[in-house]
């Protein structure tokens, strides 16, 4: 009888010892998975941080060109994170399934398993959080740019958050561009154009604007009185002058030629995004599109003689050569002020 009990006791001890060895092996396997997994997730988090930080080093018009690469990175990181979580679950299941004595083994293994699992998903958290923040901000900036572009405009630094939200929400609900433009125009027209006057006052300390404030102030009063034939030609010439002065200040030896389109384009492309932020960086891209595709678009005066006379879309060439007659609208006048508003962020170091 004693011998039987001893044999049973020895068998139970051997079984327990074997189970503990299996638990130790399982623990080491889990550790071998958890370590590289944590390192990989940390590496992907750093990639996200680098993508976010790189916005400050990129030229403003490249913001919209990042759309496809960023979206691809965003989707890839999300998929990788999901795959890691799935792989982790599969590996743990496989290890547990292969244990010789799961009931005994798991008792020894569970504390370590909980700790390792917690550490892995804790390592995932910053990556997922960063992914969500960058993706949300990027998506919001892109939606905002699209809403303003539908009105033939761009986000400007003088626009309050309440106006931006109103434009974006109306765009999402299907409102047309003309309605969105009207919302923006009504905002600036409040209290005898007080918001526009405040925007102009913000330009006075900028050295690129300081010597031009008399022209701007007189144009502002003309705008308030509805004299748009005076405001638009007067302010359009300042766009090139401000851009040229900015380029000369930061590149004293450079020569950019006398073509208005090239000068303004060079100034906006040269400006680092950290002057604008992600949201206004998209706005610069929108403004550049407007300048190149509309304002500075070449017009054949002979072939388009009749069409230009009734065209309302702004075209500097046709206006300054007296070929365009129908340009003098309140919205077009405000458009030129908003060009200057965005340019007011250009400031020599």
Protein backbone atom coordinates (compact mmCIF):
# COMPACT_ATOMS: atom_id res chain seq x y z
CA UNK A 1 0.00 0.00 0.00
CA UNK A 2 2.77 2.38 0.95
CA UNK A 3 4.62 1.63 -2.25
CA UNK A 4 1.52 2.51 -4.27
CA UNK A 5 1.10 5.82 -2.47
CA UNK A 6 4.79 6.58 -3.03
CA UNK A 7 4.53 5.76 -6.70
CA UNK A 8 1.47 7.97 -6.98
CA UNK A 9 3.23 10.73 -5.07
CA UNK A 10 6.33 10.45 -7.27
CA UNK A 11 4.18 10.40 -10.39
CA UNK A 12 2.30 13.51 -9.26
CA UNK A 13 5.57 15.30 -8.45
CA UNK A 14 7.05 14.35 -11.79
CA UNK A 15 3.92 15.53 -13.54
CA UNK A 16 3.99 18.84 -11.67
CA UNK A 17 7.70 19.28 -12.38
CA UNK A 18 7.11 18.56 -16.04
CA UNK A 19 4.22 21.04 -16.11
CA UNK A 20 6.35 23.74 -14.51
CA UNK A 21 9.09 23.15 -17.09
CA UNK A 22 6.46 23.48 -19.81
CA UNK A 23 5.25 26.68 -18.17
CA UNK A 24 8.78 28.05 -18.14
CA UNK A 25 9.22 27.21 -21.82
CA UNK A 26 5.88 28.83 -22.61
CA UNK A 27 6.88 31.91 -20.61
CA UNK A 28 10.13 32.21 -22.55
CA UNK A 29 8.27 31.84 -25.84
CA UNK A 30 5.87 34.58 -24.85
CA UNK A 31 8.74 36.82 -23.83
CA UNK A 32 10.45 36.18 -27.16
CA UNK A 33 7.29 37.30 -28.95
CA UNK A 34 6.53 40.23 -26.66
CA UNK A 35 9.98 41.84 -26.89
CA UNK A 36 10.21 42.20 -30.67
CA UNK A 37 6.52 43.09 -30.80
CA UNK A 38 7.00 45.97 -28.38
CA UNK A 39 10.05 47.13 -30.35
CA UNK A 40 8.16 46.98 -33.64
CA UNK A 41 5.22 48.94 -32.27
CA UNK A 42 7.56 51.54 -30.82
CA UNK A 43 9.25 51.83 -34.22
CA UNK A 44 5.92 52.37 -35.97
CA UNK A 45 4.99 54.98 -33.37
CA UNK A 46 8.23 56.80 -34.21
CA UNK A 47 7.34 56.67 -37.88
CA UNK A 48 4.06 58.38 -37.04
CA UNK A 49 5.86 61.04 -35.02
CA UNK A 50 8.28 61.62 -37.88
CA UNK A 51 5.41 61.97 -40.36
CA UNK A 52 3.72 64.48 -38.09
CA UNK A 53 6.95 66.41 -37.50
CA UNK A 54 7.85 66.41 -41.18
CA UNK A 55 4.94 68.73 -41.93
CA UNK A 56 6.98 71.60 -40.48
CA UNK A 57 9.83 70.96 -42.91
CA UNK A 58 7.78 70.56 -46.05
CA UNK A 59 7.02 73.30 -48.52
CA UNK A 60 3.46 74.54 -48.22
CA UNK A 61 2.15 73.45 -51.64
CA UNK A 62 3.32 69.91 -51.01
CA UNK A 63 0.68 69.48 -48.32
CA UNK A 64 -1.97 68.30 -50.74
CA UNK A 65 0.54 66.14 -52.61
CA UNK A 66 0.97 64.16 -49.39
CA UNK A 67 -2.62 62.99 -49.60
CA UNK A 68 -1.99 59.61 -51.21
CA UNK A 69 1.25 58.76 -49.32
CA UNK A 70 -0.27 59.74 -45.98
CA UNK A 71 -3.46 57.79 -46.58
CA UNK A 72 -1.40 54.74 -47.55
CA UNK A 73 0.77 55.07 -44.43
CA UNK A 74 -2.31 55.53 -42.26
CA UNK A 75 -3.95 52.37 -43.64
CA UNK A 76 -0.71 50.36 -43.47
CA UNK A 77 -0.05 51.23 -39.84
CA UNK A 78 -3.63 50.37 -38.88
CA UNK A 79 -3.38 47.01 -40.67
CA UNK A 80 0.02 46.24 -39.12
CA UNK A 81 -1.29 47.00 -35.65
CA UNK A 82 -4.29 44.73 -36.23
CA UNK A 83 -2.04 42.00 -37.60
CA UNK A 84 0.25 42.20 -34.58
CA UNK A 85 -2.70 41.89 -32.22
CA UNK A 86 -4.00 38.90 -34.19
CA UNK A 87 -0.55 37.29 -34.32
CA UNK A 88 -0.11 37.78 -30.60
CA UNK A 89 -3.46 36.10 -29.90
CA UNK A 90 -2.65 33.20 -32.23
CA UNK A 91 0.78 32.63 -30.67
CA UNK A 92 -0.61 32.62 -27.15
CA UNK A 93 -3.36 30.18 -28.18
CA UNK A 94 -0.82 27.89 -29.83
CA UNK A 95 1.42 27.87 -26.77
CA UNK A 96 -1.43 27.12 -24.41
CA UNK A 97 -2.80 24.40 -26.72
CA UNK A 98 0.59 22.66 -26.78
CA UNK A 99 0.96 22.51 -23.01
CA UNK A 100 1.05 18.96 -21.68
CA UNK A 101 -0.93 19.71 -18.53
CA UNK A 102 -2.85 22.92 -19.19
CA UNK A 103 -4.67 23.03 -15.84
CA UNK A 104 -1.53 22.86 -13.72
CA UNK A 105 0.63 24.77 -16.20
CA UNK A 106 -1.72 27.73 -16.56
CA UNK A 107 -1.77 28.32 -12.82
CA UNK A 108 1.97 28.96 -12.95
CA UNK A 109 1.83 30.75 -16.28
CA UNK A 110 -1.15 33.10 -15.88
CA UNK A 111 0.53 35.87 -13.81
CA UNK A 112 3.35 36.17 -16.32
CA UNK A 113 0.96 35.86 -19.23
CA UNK A 114 -1.17 38.71 -17.88
CA UNK A 115 1.90 40.87 -17.33
CA UNK A 116 3.30 40.24 -20.81
CA UNK A 117 -0.08 40.75 -22.49
CA UNK A 118 -0.58 44.00 -20.60
CA UNK A 119 2.88 45.26 -21.59
CA UNK A 120 2.31 44.42 -25.26
CA UNK A 121 -1.00 46.21 -25.52
CA UNK A 122 0.39 49.06 -23.46
CA UNK A 123 3.11 49.35 -26.11
CA UNK A 124 0.38 49.40 -28.77
CA UNK A 125 -1.51 52.29 -27.14
CA UNK A 126 0.80 55.20 -28.14
CA UNK A 127 0.91 53.94 -31.70
CA UNK A 128 -2.86 53.70 -31.94
CA UNK A 129 -3.33 57.04 -30.19
CA UNK A 130 -0.90 58.81 -32.49
CA UNK A 131 -2.48 57.15 -35.50
CA UNK A 132 -5.89 58.44 -34.46
CA UNK A 133 -4.70 61.98 -33.70
CA UNK A 134 -2.68 62.45 -36.89
CA UNK A 135 -5.35 60.83 -39.01
CA UNK A 136 -8.11 62.96 -37.47
CA UNK A 137 -6.21 66.22 -37.87
CA UNK A 138 -5.15 65.42 -41.39
CA UNK A 139 -8.66 64.37 -42.38
CA UNK A 140 -10.18 67.50 -40.85
CA UNK A 141 -7.69 69.75 -42.66
CA UNK A 142 -8.43 68.06 -45.96
CA UNK A 143 -12.23 68.33 -45.47
CA UNK A 144 -11.88 72.01 -44.56
CA UNK A 145 -9.82 72.71 -47.68
CA UNK A 146 -12.38 70.93 -49.86
CA UNK A 147 -15.25 72.93 -48.34
CA UNK A 148 -13.55 76.29 -48.98
CA UNK A 149 -12.39 75.26 -52.45
CA UNK A 150 -15.99 74.55 -53.40
CA UNK A 151 -16.67 78.24 -52.70
CA UNK A 152 -13.63 79.28 -54.75
CA UNK A 153 -11.85 80.28 -51.55
CA UNK A 154 -9.33 79.04 -48.97
CA UNK A 155 -8.99 79.06 -45.22
CA UNK A 156 -7.53 82.37 -44.00
CA UNK A 157 -5.87 83.19 -40.65
CA UNK A 158 -8.52 85.81 -39.76
CA UNK A 159 -11.36 83.26 -39.93
CA UNK A 160 -12.74 82.25 -36.51
CA UNK A 161 -13.39 78.61 -35.70
CA UNK A 162 -17.14 79.25 -35.68
CA UNK A 163 -17.03 80.38 -39.33
CA UNK A 164 -14.85 77.45 -40.38
CA UNK A 165 -17.19 74.97 -38.68
CA UNK A 166 -20.22 76.57 -40.34
CA UNK A 167 -18.66 76.33 -43.80
CA UNK A 168 -17.56 72.70 -43.31
CA UNK A 169 -20.94 71.59 -41.89
CA UNK A 170 -22.86 73.29 -44.70
CA UNK A 171 -20.56 71.69 -47.26
CA UNK A 172 -21.11 68.26 -45.69
CA UNK A 173 -24.87 68.78 -45.85
CA UNK A 174 -24.65 69.40 -49.59
CA UNK A 175 -24.77 73.20 -49.78
CA UNK A 176 -23.44 74.63 -53.02
CA UNK A 177 -20.34 76.77 -53.38
CA UNK A 178 -22.26 80.00 -53.85
CA UNK A 179 -24.07 79.50 -50.54
CA UNK A 180 -20.77 78.81 -48.76
CA UNK A 181 -19.24 81.95 -50.31
CA UNK A 182 -22.22 83.92 -49.08
CA UNK A 183 -21.72 82.62 -45.52
CA UNK A 184 -18.10 83.78 -45.60
CA UNK A 185 -18.97 87.15 -47.12
CA UNK A 186 -21.71 87.80 -44.52
CA UNK A 187 -19.26 87.06 -41.72
CA UNK A 188 -16.77 89.70 -42.89
CA UNK A 189 -19.56 92.22 -43.65
CA UNK A 190 -20.83 92.27 -40.06
CA UNK A 191 -20.94 95.65 -38.31
CA UNK A 192 -19.79 97.59 -41.38
CA UNK A 193 -17.04 95.10 -42.23
CA UNK A 194 -15.58 95.05 -38.73
CA UNK A 195 -14.09 91.51 -39.01
CA UNK A 196 -12.35 92.52 -42.26
CA UNK A 197 -11.04 95.71 -40.61
CA UNK A 198 -9.64 93.63 -37.76
CA UNK A 199 -7.93 91.32 -40.24
CA UNK A 200 -6.33 94.30 -42.00
CA UNK A 201 -5.19 95.75 -38.67
CA UNK A 202 -3.34 92.50 -38.03
CA UNK A 203 -1.15 93.13 -41.08
CA UNK A 204 0.25 96.49 -39.91
CA UNK A 205 3.23 95.08 -38.01
CA UNK A 206 4.35 92.88 -40.90
CA UNK A 207 7.31 94.60 -42.62
CA UNK A 208 6.11 93.33 -46.00
CA UNK A 209 2.81 95.19 -45.53
CA UNK A 210 3.93 98.26 -43.60
CA UNK A 211 4.81 100.42 -46.61
CA UNK A 212 1.64 99.35 -48.42
CA UNK A 213 -0.92 100.10 -45.72
CA UNK A 214 -2.10 103.38 -47.29
CA UNK A 215 -3.16 101.52 -50.43
CA UNK A 216 -4.77 98.79 -48.34
CA UNK A 217 -6.61 101.23 -46.04
CA UNK A 218 -7.98 103.20 -48.97
CA UNK A 219 -9.01 99.97 -50.68
CA UNK A 220 -10.74 98.87 -47.48
CA UNK A 221 -12.83 102.04 -47.37
CA UNK A 222 -13.65 101.66 -51.05
CA UNK A 223 -14.69 98.06 -50.42
CA UNK A 224 -16.97 99.10 -47.55
CA UNK A 225 -18.65 101.57 -49.94
CA UNK A 226 -19.04 98.97 -52.68
CA UNK A 227 -16.46 100.53 -55.03
CA UNK A 228 -15.02 97.21 -56.15
CA UNK A 229 -13.60 98.58 -59.42
CA UNK A 230 -11.14 100.44 -57.20
CA UNK A 231 -10.30 97.75 -54.67
CA UNK A 232 -9.53 94.82 -56.94
CA UNK A 233 -6.94 96.38 -59.30
CA UNK A 234 -5.27 98.24 -56.42
CA UNK A 235 -4.87 95.14 -54.25
CA UNK A 236 -3.95 92.68 -57.00
CA UNK A 237 -0.72 94.51 -57.67
CA UNK A 238 0.25 94.15 -54.00
CA UNK A 239 0.16 90.36 -54.22
CA UNK A 240 3.20 90.34 -56.48
CA UNK A 241 4.96 93.13 -54.58
CA UNK A 242 4.65 91.39 -51.22
CA UNK A 243 5.77 88.06 -52.68
CA UNK A 244 8.75 89.69 -54.38
CA UNK A 245 9.85 91.48 -51.20
CA UNK A 246 9.59 88.25 -49.22
CA UNK A 247 11.76 86.35 -51.69
CA UNK A 248 14.34 89.13 -51.80
CA UNK A 249 14.51 89.22 -47.99
CA UNK A 250 15.21 85.51 -47.60
CA UNK A 251 17.20 85.00 -50.84
CA UNK A 252 19.10 88.29 -51.37
CA UNK A 253 21.19 86.93 -54.25
CA UNK A 254 18.44 85.05 -56.06
CA UNK A 255 16.70 86.30 -59.20
CA UNK A 256 13.12 85.29 -59.87
CA UNK A 257 12.35 87.30 -62.99
CA UNK A 258 9.45 89.61 -63.58
CA UNK A 259 6.62 87.15 -64.20
CA UNK A 260 3.96 87.64 -61.54
CA UNK A 261 2.85 84.02 -61.51
CA UNK A 262 6.37 82.70 -60.98
CA UNK A 263 7.15 85.21 -58.23
CA UNK A 264 4.00 84.51 -56.19
CA UNK A 265 4.30 80.76 -56.71
CA UNK A 266 7.95 80.81 -55.59
CA UNK A 267 7.10 82.75 -52.43
CA UNK A 268 4.34 80.38 -51.39
CA UNK A 269 6.37 77.29 -52.24
CA UNK A 270 9.36 78.58 -50.32
CA UNK A 271 7.44 79.27 -47.13
CA UNK A 272 7.81 76.42 -44.59
CA UNK A 273 4.59 74.87 -43.33
CA UNK A 274 5.47 75.70 -39.72
CA UNK A 275 4.42 79.26 -40.57
CA UNK A 276 0.97 77.95 -41.43
CA UNK A 277 0.35 74.66 -39.65
CA UNK A 278 -1.32 71.71 -41.30
CA UNK A 279 -4.69 73.42 -41.79
CA UNK A 280 -3.37 76.63 -43.35
CA UNK A 281 -0.81 74.55 -45.24
CA UNK A 282 -3.73 73.03 -47.11
CA UNK A 283 -5.09 76.56 -47.60
CA UNK A 284 -1.84 77.57 -49.31
CA UNK A 285 -2.30 74.66 -51.69
CA UNK A 286 -5.86 75.84 -52.39
CA UNK A 287 -4.69 79.39 -52.98
CA UNK A 288 -1.94 78.24 -55.34
CA UNK A 289 -4.49 76.28 -57.33
CA UNK A 290 -6.69 79.38 -57.59
CA UNK A 291 -3.75 81.57 -58.62
CA UNK A 292 -2.43 79.23 -61.29
CA UNK A 293 -5.74 78.00 -62.68
CA UNK A 294 -7.71 81.22 -62.55
CA UNK A 295 -6.14 84.49 -61.44
CA UNK A 296 -2.91 84.16 -63.47
CA UNK A 297 -4.29 81.97 -66.24
CA UNK A 298 -3.15 83.15 -69.67
CA UNK A 299 -5.95 84.66 -71.74
CA UNK A 300 -5.92 85.06 -75.49
CA UNK A 301 -7.48 88.49 -75.89
CA UNK A 302 -8.35 87.97 -79.55
CA UNK A 303 -9.87 84.52 -79.24
CA UNK A 304 -11.68 85.32 -76.00
CA UNK A 305 -12.61 88.92 -76.68
CA UNK A 306 -16.36 88.62 -76.05
CA UNK A 307 -16.17 86.01 -73.30
CA UNK A 308 -13.73 88.10 -71.25
CA UNK A 309 -16.01 91.14 -71.25
CA UNK A 310 -18.71 89.26 -69.32
CA UNK A 311 -16.47 86.92 -67.29
CA UNK A 312 -16.82 87.32 -63.52
CA UNK A 313 -13.95 85.05 -62.50
CA UNK A 314 -10.90 87.06 -61.56
CA UNK A 315 -8.11 87.25 -64.13
CA UNK A 316 -5.32 89.70 -63.40
CA UNK A 317 -4.10 89.89 -67.01
CA UNK A 318 -7.54 90.73 -68.41
CA UNK A 319 -8.34 93.20 -65.61
CA UNK A 320 -5.10 95.18 -65.83
CA UNK A 321 -5.34 95.37 -69.61
CA UNK A 322 -8.93 96.61 -69.44
CA UNK A 323 -10.41 93.57 -71.21
CA UNK A 324 -12.57 92.26 -68.36
CA UNK A 325 -15.61 94.32 -67.34
CA UNK A 326 -17.71 92.17 -65.00
CA UNK A 327 -15.09 91.36 -62.35
CA UNK A 328 -16.13 94.04 -59.84
CA UNK A 329 -18.22 91.99 -57.38
CA UNK A 330 -18.25 92.06 -53.60
CA UNK A 331 -17.07 88.44 -53.46
CA UNK A 332 -14.15 89.07 -55.80
CA UNK A 333 -13.07 92.08 -53.79
CA UNK A 334 -13.19 90.01 -50.60
CA UNK A 335 -11.23 87.28 -52.39
CA UNK A 336 -8.31 89.64 -52.96
CA UNK A 337 -8.34 90.70 -49.30
CA UNK A 338 -8.23 87.00 -48.35
CA UNK A 339 -5.23 86.45 -50.64
CA UNK A 340 -3.44 89.17 -48.71
CA UNK A 341 -4.64 87.70 -45.41
CA UNK A 342 -2.89 84.41 -46.17
CA UNK A 343 0.18 86.21 -47.49
CA UNK A 344 0.36 88.10 -44.18
CA UNK A 345 1.81 84.90 -42.67
CA UNK A 346 4.87 85.40 -44.86
CA UNK A 347 7.35 87.36 -42.80
CA UNK A 348 11.12 87.65 -43.19
CA UNK A 349 13.14 86.21 -40.32
